[in-house]
Amino acid sequence: MASFSTRDSKTIFFFFGLRAACLSLCLVGSVAELQRFEHPPKADGSLSFLVVGDWGRRGLYNQSQVALQMGLIGEKAEIDFVISTGDNFYEDGLTGVDDPAFNESFSNIYTAPGLNKQWYNVLGNHDYRGDAEAQLSPVLRTIDKRWLCLRSFIVNAEIVDFFFVDTTPFVDDYFTNPKNHTYDWRGVTPREDYLSNLLKDVDSALKDSSAKWKIVVGHHTIKSAGHHGVTQELVTQLLPILK
């Protein structure tokens, strides 16, 4: 869980990438080409939220137990929203907007009152192995109003701007060595143009932001001592922008 308040004085960049691991929205003018959403902090200027990734397991692999604890913490801390860093549905994303896995892994699992908040989601590599565009569809928002998933976007909460970045298309191995997986690259190809435009948009948005805190959210770690280690493509292409 993370909390911010108007008393914080530092401006700092974070990158959340977890590989293992209500409110109405107002869409306003975009920064560069990224869609922007407003999510005001509490009346006292503070903000609290949960971050989770790699969770869509139909309640198995301790997902239900973690969801229970998330609900308790969410209610106690009066969180404002939840951020998902991707791999929302295992093993291979959703098959479509009518896939029962959406309810079985999301709506029917995160039922605690403390989690009845907006969820801001990005895609992970496992999500791209299914119908990636299904997760982006407004249809899912009619099924569960908490759900919002886009490839890349911005959430402004006054004291902090969140920059959600679609990191999966950066990874060369998914294109050159997909093994027995089929990735849904609709909306991403031609890849070179997609990544070039995305990097320009993120760079422009970060430069234009006047928020005290700036947090970049993505699925893949830039550098990690964990099993997946360093994502070299992000070190080369995204990290210089963050610096």
C-alpha atoms as a PDB file:
ATOM      1  CA  MET A   1       0.000   0.000   0.000  1.00  0.00           C
ATOM      2  CA  ALA A   2       1.196   3.520  -0.698  1.00  0.00           C
ATOM      3  CA  SER A   3       0.075   6.794   0.823  1.00  0.00           C
ATOM      4  CA  PHE A   4       0.793  10.360  -0.159  1.00  0.00           C
ATOM      5  CA  SER A   5      -0.196  13.677   1.331  1.00  0.00           C
ATOM      6  CA  THR A   6       0.323  17.367   0.706  1.00  0.00           C
ATOM      7  CA  ARG A   7       2.928  17.319   3.481  1.00  0.00           C
ATOM      8  CA  ASP A   8       5.336  15.318   1.311  1.00  0.00           C
ATOM      9  CA  SER A   9       8.027  17.523  -0.093  1.00  0.00           C
ATOM     10  CA  LYS A  10      10.004  15.402  -2.558  1.00  0.00           C
ATOM     11  CA  THR A  11       9.482  14.979  -6.245  1.00  0.00           C
ATOM     12  CA  ILE A  12      10.587  11.478  -7.187  1.00  0.00           C
ATOM     13  CA  PHE A  13      10.083   8.893  -9.919  1.00  0.00           C
ATOM     14  CA  PHE A  14       9.010   5.363  -9.064  1.00  0.00           C
ATOM     15  CA  PHE A  15       8.587   2.385 -11.387  1.00  0.00           C
ATOM     16  CA  PHE A  16       6.243  -0.341 -10.215  1.00  0.00           C
ATOM     17  CA  GLY A  17       6.691  -3.656 -12.026  1.00  0.00           C
ATOM     18  CA  LEU A  18       5.404  -6.770 -10.282  1.00  0.00           C
ATOM     19  CA  ARG A  19       6.169  -9.985 -12.074  1.00  0.00           C
ATOM     20  CA  ALA A  20       5.305 -12.250  -9.154  1.00  0.00           C
ATOM     21  CA  ALA A  21       3.500 -11.099  -6.781  1.00  0.00           C
ATOM     22  CA  CYS A  22     -17.347   3.393  -7.234  1.00  0.00           C
ATOM     23  CA  LEU A  23     -16.027   6.532  -8.163  1.00  0.00           C
ATOM     24  CA  SER A  24     -17.100   8.130 -11.431  1.00  0.00           C
ATOM     25  CA  LEU A  25     -14.324   8.962 -13.884  1.00  0.00           C
ATOM     26  CA  CYS A  26     -13.946  12.161 -15.806  1.00  0.00           C
ATOM     27  CA  LEU A  27     -12.028  11.908 -19.071  1.00  0.00           C
ATOM     28  CA  VAL A  28     -10.455  15.236 -19.911  1.00  0.00           C
ATOM     29  CA  GLY A  29      -8.035  16.562 -22.497  1.00  0.00           C
ATOM     30  CA  SER A  30      -5.019  14.333 -22.985  1.00  0.00           C
ATOM     31  CA  VAL A  31      -1.374  15.115 -22.387  1.00  0.00           C
ATOM     32  CA  ALA A  32       0.323  14.299 -25.692  1.00  0.00           C
ATOM     33  CA  GLU A  33      -1.566  11.235 -26.995  1.00  0.00           C
ATOM     34  CA  LEU A  34      -2.182   9.585 -23.631  1.00  0.00           C
ATOM     35  CA  GLN A  35      -5.707   9.627 -22.252  1.00  0.00           C
ATOM     36  CA  ARG A  36      -5.942  11.385 -18.918  1.00  0.00           C
ATOM     37  CA  PHE A  37      -8.276  10.666 -16.017  1.00  0.00           C
ATOM     38  CA  GLU A  38      -8.868  12.772 -12.920  1.00  0.00           C
ATOM     39  CA  HIS A  39      -9.034  11.129  -9.498  1.00  0.00           C
ATOM     40  CA  PRO A  40      -9.119  13.762  -6.721  1.00  0.00           C
ATOM     41  CA  PRO A  41      -7.451  12.987  -3.383  1.00  0.00           C
ATOM     42  CA  LYS A  42      -9.307  13.068  -0.082  1.00  0.00           C
ATOM     43  CA  ALA A  43     -10.548  16.337   1.387  1.00  0.00           C
ATOM     44  CA  ASP A  44      -7.427  16.551   3.585  1.00  0.00           C
ATOM     45  CA  GLY A  45      -5.192  16.233   0.511  1.00  0.00           C
ATOM     46  CA  SER A  46      -4.028  12.687   1.266  1.00  0.00           C
ATOM     47  CA  LEU A  47      -4.152   9.677  -1.037  1.00  0.00           C
ATOM     48  CA  SER A  48      -3.891   5.932  -0.352  1.00  0.00           C
ATOM     49  CA  PHE A  49      -3.899   3.058  -2.809  1.00  0.00           C
ATOM     50  CA  LEU A  50      -3.023  -0.620  -3.206  1.00  0.00           C
ATOM     51  CA  VAL A  51      -0.778  -2.065  -5.927  1.00  0.00           C
ATOM     52  CA  VAL A  52      -1.133  -5.696  -7.028  1.00  0.00           C
ATOM     53  CA  GLY A  53       0.062  -7.759  -9.984  1.00  0.00           C
ATOM     54  CA  ASP A  54      -0.042 -11.322 -11.368  1.00  0.00           C
ATOM     55  CA  TRP A  55      -3.354 -12.081  -9.716  1.00  0.00           C
ATOM     56  CA  GLY A  56      -5.937 -13.616 -12.085  1.00  0.00           C
ATOM     57  CA  ARG A  57      -6.084 -17.196 -10.789  1.00  0.00           C
ATOM     58  CA  ARG A  58      -9.839 -17.876 -10.412  1.00  0.00           C
ATOM     59  CA  GLY A  59      -9.304 -17.704  -6.653  1.00  0.00           C
ATOM     60  CA  LEU A  60      -6.565 -20.339  -6.585  1.00  0.00           C
ATOM     61  CA  TYR A  61      -2.861 -19.981  -5.704  1.00  0.00           C
ATOM     62  CA  ASN A  62      -3.849 -18.002  -2.576  1.00  0.00           C
ATOM     63  CA  GLN A  63      -5.622 -15.335  -4.642  1.00  0.00           C
ATOM     64  CA  SER A  64      -8.736 -15.480  -2.458  1.00  0.00           C
ATOM     65  CA  GLN A  65      -6.704 -15.257   0.745  1.00  0.00           C
ATOM     66  CA  VAL A  66      -4.740 -12.280  -0.548  1.00  0.00           C
ATOM     67  CA  ALA A  67      -7.986 -10.625  -1.673  1.00  0.00           C
ATOM     68  CA  LEU A  68      -9.368 -11.041   1.846  1.00  0.00           C
ATOM     69  CA  GLN A  69      -6.368  -9.291   3.384  1.00  0.00           C
ATOM     70  CA  MET A  70      -6.473  -6.595   0.710  1.00  0.00           C
ATOM     71  CA  GLY A  71     -10.075  -5.934   1.655  1.00  0.00           C
ATOM     72  CA  LEU A  72      -9.224  -5.568   5.337  1.00  0.00           C
ATOM     73  CA  ILE A  73      -6.332  -3.214   4.627  1.00  0.00           C
ATOM     74  CA  GLY A  74      -8.322  -1.313   2.030  1.00  0.00           C
ATOM     75  CA  GLU A  75     -11.124  -0.593   4.460  1.00  0.00           C
ATOM     76  CA  LYS A  76      -8.814   0.287   7.351  1.00  0.00           C
ATOM     77  CA  ALA A  77      -6.679   2.610   5.244  1.00  0.00           C
ATOM     78  CA  GLU A  78      -9.651   4.021   3.336  1.00  0.00           C
ATOM     79  CA  ILE A  79      -7.883   3.504   0.027  1.00  0.00           C
ATOM     80  CA  ASP A  80      -8.848   5.644  -2.925  1.00  0.00           C
ATOM     81  CA  PHE A  81      -8.185   3.096  -5.661  1.00  0.00           C
ATOM     82  CA  VAL A  82      -6.298  -0.067  -6.676  1.00  0.00           C
ATOM     83  CA  ILE A  83      -3.541  -0.303  -9.290  1.00  0.00           C
ATOM     84  CA  SER A  84      -2.896  -3.542 -11.181  1.00  0.00           C
ATOM     85  CA  THR A  85       0.459  -3.930 -12.914  1.00  0.00           C
ATOM     86  CA  GLY A  86      -0.755  -6.650 -15.281  1.00  0.00           C
ATOM     87  CA  ASP A  87      -1.024 -10.392 -15.799  1.00  0.00           C
ATOM     88  CA  ASN A  88      -4.622  -9.886 -14.832  1.00  0.00           C
ATOM     89  CA  PHE A  89      -5.832 -13.263 -16.125  1.00  0.00           C
ATOM     90  CA  TYR A  90      -3.811 -16.499 -16.245  1.00  0.00           C
ATOM     91  CA  GLU A  91      -2.632 -18.355 -18.162  1.00  0.00           C
ATOM     92  CA  ASP A  92      -3.564 -16.752 -21.440  1.00  0.00           C
ATOM     93  CA  GLY A  93      -5.597 -13.622 -20.763  1.00  0.00           C
ATOM     94  CA  LEU A  94      -9.275 -13.496 -21.701  1.00  0.00           C
ATOM     95  CA  THR A  95     -10.849 -15.211 -24.697  1.00  0.00           C
ATOM     96  CA  GLY A  96     -13.261 -12.308 -25.175  1.00  0.00           C
ATOM     97  CA  VAL A  97     -15.509  -9.881 -23.303  1.00  0.00           C
ATOM     98  CA  ASP A  98     -17.831 -12.752 -22.400  1.00  0.00           C
ATOM     99  CA  ASP A  99     -15.095 -14.927 -20.874  1.00  0.00           C
ATOM    100  CA  PRO A 100     -16.314 -16.132 -17.429  1.00  0.00           C
ATOM    101  CA  ALA A 101     -12.739 -15.712 -16.166  1.00  0.00           C
ATOM    102  CA  PHE A 102     -13.448 -11.987 -15.758  1.00  0.00           C
ATOM    103  CA  ASN A 103     -15.963 -12.689 -13.017  1.00  0.00           C
ATOM    104  CA  GLU A 104     -14.199 -15.775 -11.697  1.00  0.00           C
ATOM    105  CA  SER A 105     -10.859 -13.982 -11.274  1.00  0.00           C
ATOM    106  CA  PHE A 106     -11.991 -10.422 -10.593  1.00  0.00           C
ATOM    107  CA  SER A 107     -15.587  -9.529  -9.766  1.00  0.00           C
ATOM    108  CA  ASN A 108     -16.276 -12.622  -7.646  1.00  0.00           C
ATOM    109  CA  ILE A 109     -12.926 -12.448  -5.813  1.00  0.00           C
ATOM    110  CA  TYR A 110     -12.449  -8.798  -4.827  1.00  0.00           C
ATOM    111  CA  THR A 111     -15.832  -8.444  -3.154  1.00  0.00           C
ATOM    112  CA  ALA A 112     -14.813  -6.739   0.105  1.00  0.00           C
ATOM    113  CA  PRO A 113     -16.303  -3.273   0.701  1.00  0.00           C
ATOM    114  CA  GLY A 114     -12.767  -1.902   1.093  1.00  0.00           C
ATOM    115  CA  LEU A 115     -12.038  -2.884  -2.523  1.00  0.00           C
ATOM    116  CA  ASN A 116     -15.182  -1.358  -3.988  1.00  0.00           C
ATOM    117  CA  LYS A 117     -13.011   1.317  -5.548  1.00  0.00           C
ATOM    118  CA  GLN A 118     -11.781   2.178  -9.006  1.00  0.00           C
ATOM    119  CA  TRP A 119      -9.217  -0.272 -10.412  1.00  0.00           C
ATOM    120  CA  TYR A 120      -6.635   1.089 -12.861  1.00  0.00           C
ATOM    121  CA  ASN A 121      -5.104  -1.747 -14.894  1.00  0.00           C
ATOM    122  CA  VAL A 122      -2.383  -2.284 -17.478  1.00  0.00           C
ATOM    123  CA  LEU A 123      -1.681  -5.380 -19.543  1.00  0.00           C
ATOM    124  CA  GLY A 124       1.003  -7.960 -18.803  1.00  0.00           C
ATOM    125  CA  ASN A 125       2.565 -10.510 -21.131  1.00  0.00           C
ATOM    126  CA  HIS A 126       0.060 -13.180 -20.101  1.00  0.00           C
ATOM    127  CA  ASP A 127      -2.784 -10.813 -20.991  1.00  0.00           C
ATOM    128  CA  TYR A 128      -1.338 -10.412 -24.490  1.00  0.00           C
ATOM    129  CA  ARG A 129      -1.516 -14.188 -24.949  1.00  0.00           C
ATOM    130  CA  GLY A 130      -5.302 -13.938 -25.082  1.00  0.00           C
ATOM    131  CA  ASP A 131      -7.700 -11.390 -26.529  1.00  0.00           C
ATOM    132  CA  ALA A 132      -5.852  -8.318 -25.293  1.00  0.00           C
ATOM    133  CA  GLU A 133      -8.416  -5.931 -26.694  1.00  0.00           C
ATOM    134  CA  ALA A 134     -11.158  -7.600 -24.637  1.00  0.00           C
ATOM    135  CA  GLN A 135      -9.587  -6.226 -21.459  1.00  0.00           C
ATOM    136  CA  LEU A 136      -9.544  -2.766 -23.040  1.00  0.00           C
ATOM    137  CA  SER A 137     -13.196  -2.941 -24.059  1.00  0.00           C
ATOM    138  CA  PRO A 138     -15.804  -0.642 -22.441  1.00  0.00           C
ATOM    139  CA  VAL A 139     -18.032  -3.726 -22.296  1.00  0.00           C
ATOM    140  CA  LEU A 140     -16.156  -4.955 -19.218  1.00  0.00           C
ATOM    141  CA  ARG A 141     -16.855  -1.636 -17.489  1.00  0.00           C
ATOM    142  CA  THR A 142     -20.572  -2.319 -17.888  1.00  0.00           C
ATOM    143  CA  ILE A 143     -20.072  -5.715 -16.232  1.00  0.00           C
ATOM    144  CA  ASP A 144     -18.050  -4.260 -13.353  1.00  0.00           C
ATOM    145  CA  LYS A 145     -17.833  -0.471 -13.085  1.00  0.00           C
ATOM    146  CA  ARG A 146     -14.564  -0.688 -11.111  1.00  0.00           C
ATOM    147  CA  TRP A 147     -12.647  -1.952 -14.160  1.00  0.00           C
ATOM    148  CA  LEU A 148     -10.570   0.384 -16.295  1.00  0.00           C
ATOM    149  CA  CYS A 149      -7.798  -1.000 -18.484  1.00  0.00           C
ATOM    150  CA  LEU A 150      -5.965   0.810 -21.266  1.00  0.00           C
ATOM    151  CA  ARG A 151      -2.605   0.213 -22.884  1.00  0.00           C
ATOM    152  CA  SER A 152      -1.098   3.477 -21.620  1.00  0.00           C
ATOM    153  CA  PHE A 153      -2.756   6.391 -19.848  1.00  0.00           C
ATOM    154  CA  ILE A 154      -2.435   8.970 -17.077  1.00  0.00           C
ATOM    155  CA  VAL A 155      -4.279   9.345 -13.778  1.00  0.00           C
ATOM    156  CA  ASN A 156      -4.015  12.742 -12.160  1.00  0.00           C
ATOM    157  CA  ALA A 157      -4.635  12.925  -8.414  1.00  0.00           C
ATOM    158  CA  GLU A 158      -3.462  16.522  -7.945  1.00  0.00           C
ATOM    159  CA  ILE A 159      -0.453  15.826  -5.728  1.00  0.00           C
ATOM    160  CA  VAL A 160       0.619  12.860  -7.868  1.00  0.00           C
ATOM    161  CA  ASP A 161       0.460  11.900 -11.549  1.00  0.00           C
ATOM    162  CA  PHE A 162       0.439   8.194 -12.428  1.00  0.00           C
ATOM    163  CA  PHE A 163       1.815   7.285 -15.856  1.00  0.00           C
ATOM    164  CA  PHE A 164       0.676   3.814 -16.920  1.00  0.00           C
ATOM    165  CA  VAL A 165       2.977   2.375 -19.598  1.00  0.00           C
ATOM    166  CA  ASP A 166       2.399  -0.666 -21.808  1.00  0.00           C
ATOM    167  CA  THR A 167       5.717  -2.475 -21.328  1.00  0.00           C
ATOM    168  CA  THR A 168       5.049  -5.856 -22.964  1.00  0.00           C
ATOM    169  CA  PRO A 169       5.619  -4.711 -26.583  1.00  0.00           C
ATOM    170  CA  PHE A 170       9.122  -3.552 -25.618  1.00  0.00           C
ATOM    171  CA  VAL A 171      10.343  -7.103 -24.959  1.00  0.00           C
ATOM    172  CA  ASP A 172      12.020  -8.577 -28.038  1.00  0.00           C
ATOM    173  CA  ASP A 173      11.718 -12.181 -26.891  1.00  0.00           C
ATOM    174  CA  TYR A 174       7.922 -12.185 -27.184  1.00  0.00           C
ATOM    175  CA  PHE A 175       8.307 -11.423 -30.895  1.00  0.00           C
ATOM    176  CA  THR A 176      11.398 -13.454 -31.779  1.00  0.00           C
ATOM    177  CA  ASN A 177      10.910 -16.439 -29.478  1.00  0.00           C
ATOM    178  CA  PRO A 178       7.185 -16.790 -28.626  1.00  0.00           C
ATOM    179  CA  LYS A 179       7.605 -20.542 -28.068  1.00  0.00           C
ATOM    180  CA  ASN A 180       4.140 -22.117 -28.097  1.00  0.00           C
ATOM    181  CA  HIS A 181       2.357 -18.881 -27.242  1.00  0.00           C
ATOM    182  CA  THR A 182       0.301 -16.715 -29.578  1.00  0.00           C
ATOM    183  CA  TYR A 183       0.365 -13.007 -28.762  1.00  0.00           C
ATOM    184  CA  ASP A 184      -2.373 -10.582 -29.713  1.00  0.00           C
ATOM    185  CA  TRP A 185      -0.444  -7.699 -31.279  1.00  0.00           C
ATOM    186  CA  ARG A 186      -3.482  -5.927 -32.725  1.00  0.00           C
ATOM    187  CA  GLY A 187      -3.105  -2.229 -32.044  1.00  0.00           C
ATOM    188  CA  VAL A 188       0.657  -2.619 -31.514  1.00  0.00           C
ATOM    189  CA  THR A 189       1.945  -3.225 -35.045  1.00  0.00           C
ATOM    190  CA  PRO A 190       3.911  -1.828 -36.697  1.00  0.00           C
ATOM    191  CA  ARG A 191       5.869  -2.254 -33.496  1.00  0.00           C
ATOM    192  CA  GLU A 192       8.624   0.261 -34.205  1.00  0.00           C
ATOM    193  CA  ASP A 193       6.090   3.052 -34.762  1.00  0.00           C
ATOM    194  CA  TYR A 194       4.059   2.032 -31.713  1.00  0.00           C
ATOM    195  CA  LEU A 195       7.044   2.122 -29.355  1.00  0.00           C
ATOM    196  CA  SER A 196       8.432   5.326 -30.828  1.00  0.00           C
ATOM    197  CA  ASN A 197       5.123   7.138 -30.366  1.00  0.00           C
ATOM    198  CA  LEU A 198       4.642   5.736 -26.876  1.00  0.00           C
ATOM    199  CA  LEU A 199       8.088   6.861 -25.726  1.00  0.00           C
ATOM    200  CA  LYS A 200       7.492  10.336 -27.137  1.00  0.00           C
ATOM    201  CA  ASP A 201       4.127  10.543 -25.368  1.00  0.00           C
ATOM    202  CA  VAL A 202       5.546   9.414 -22.023  1.00  0.00           C
ATOM    203  CA  ASP A 203       8.475  11.803 -22.336  1.00  0.00           C
ATOM    204  CA  SER A 204       6.188  14.720 -23.154  1.00  0.00           C
ATOM    205  CA  ALA A 205       3.706  13.871 -20.409  1.00  0.00           C
ATOM    206  CA  LEU A 206       6.398  13.611 -17.742  1.00  0.00           C
ATOM    207  CA  LYS A 207       7.917  16.924 -18.794  1.00  0.00           C
ATOM    208  CA  ASP A 208       4.516  18.646 -18.759  1.00  0.00           C
ATOM    209  CA  SER A 209       3.517  17.290 -15.359  1.00  0.00           C
ATOM    210  CA  SER A 210       3.566  19.764 -12.489  1.00  0.00           C
ATOM    211  CA  ALA A 211       2.575  17.195  -9.851  1.00  0.00           C
ATOM    212  CA  LYS A 212       4.729  16.909  -6.742  1.00  0.00           C
ATOM    213  CA  TRP A 213       5.005  13.134  -7.189  1.00  0.00           C
ATOM    214  CA  LYS A 214       5.320  11.225 -10.465  1.00  0.00           C
ATOM    215  CA  ILE A 215       4.820   7.461 -10.509  1.00  0.00           C
ATOM    216  CA  VAL A 216       5.342   5.318 -13.603  1.00  0.00           C
ATOM    217  CA  VAL A 217       3.453   2.024 -13.577  1.00  0.00           C
ATOM    218  CA  GLY A 218       4.236  -0.929 -15.830  1.00  0.00           C
ATOM    219  CA  HIS A 219       4.268  -4.709 -15.809  1.00  0.00           C
ATOM    220  CA  HIS A 220       7.953  -5.440 -16.344  1.00  0.00           C
ATOM    221  CA  THR A 221      10.660  -4.493 -13.906  1.00  0.00           C
ATOM    222  CA  ILE A 222      13.422  -2.298 -15.275  1.00  0.00           C
ATOM    223  CA  LYS A 223      16.035  -3.767 -12.952  1.00  0.00           C
ATOM    224  CA  SER A 224      15.471  -6.596 -10.503  1.00  0.00           C
ATOM    225  CA  ALA A 225      17.367  -9.181  -8.484  1.00  0.00           C
ATOM    226  CA  GLY A 226      14.415 -11.529  -8.917  1.00  0.00           C
ATOM    227  CA  HIS A 227      13.939 -14.454 -11.282  1.00  0.00           C
ATOM    228  CA  HIS A 228      13.137 -12.334 -14.353  1.00  0.00           C
ATOM    229  CA  GLY A 229      16.013  -9.955 -13.721  1.00  0.00           C
ATOM    230  CA  VAL A 230      16.727  -6.916 -15.862  1.00  0.00           C
ATOM    231  CA  THR A 231      14.478  -5.959 -18.771  1.00  0.00           C
ATOM    232  CA  GLN A 232      17.210  -4.662 -21.048  1.00  0.00           C
ATOM    233  CA  GLU A 233      14.825  -3.100 -23.548  1.00  0.00           C
ATOM    234  CA  LEU A 234      13.409  -0.876 -20.781  1.00  0.00           C
ATOM    235  CA  VAL A 235      16.894  -0.031 -19.516  1.00  0.00           C
ATOM    236  CA  THR A 236      17.811   1.124 -23.007  1.00  0.00           C
ATOM    237  CA  GLN A 237      14.603   2.858 -24.064  1.00  0.00           C
ATOM    238  CA  LEU A 238      12.490   3.868 -21.038  1.00  0.00           C
ATOM    239  CA  LEU A 239      14.981   4.422 -18.223  1.00  0.00           C
ATOM    240  CA  PRO A 240      16.709   7.383 -19.937  1.00  0.00           C
ATOM    241  CA  ILE A 241      13.329   9.145 -20.122  1.00  0.00           C
ATOM    242  CA  LEU A 242      12.676   8.570 -16.425  1.00  0.00           C
ATOM    243  CA  LYS A 243      16.135   9.885 -15.559  1.00  0.00           C
END
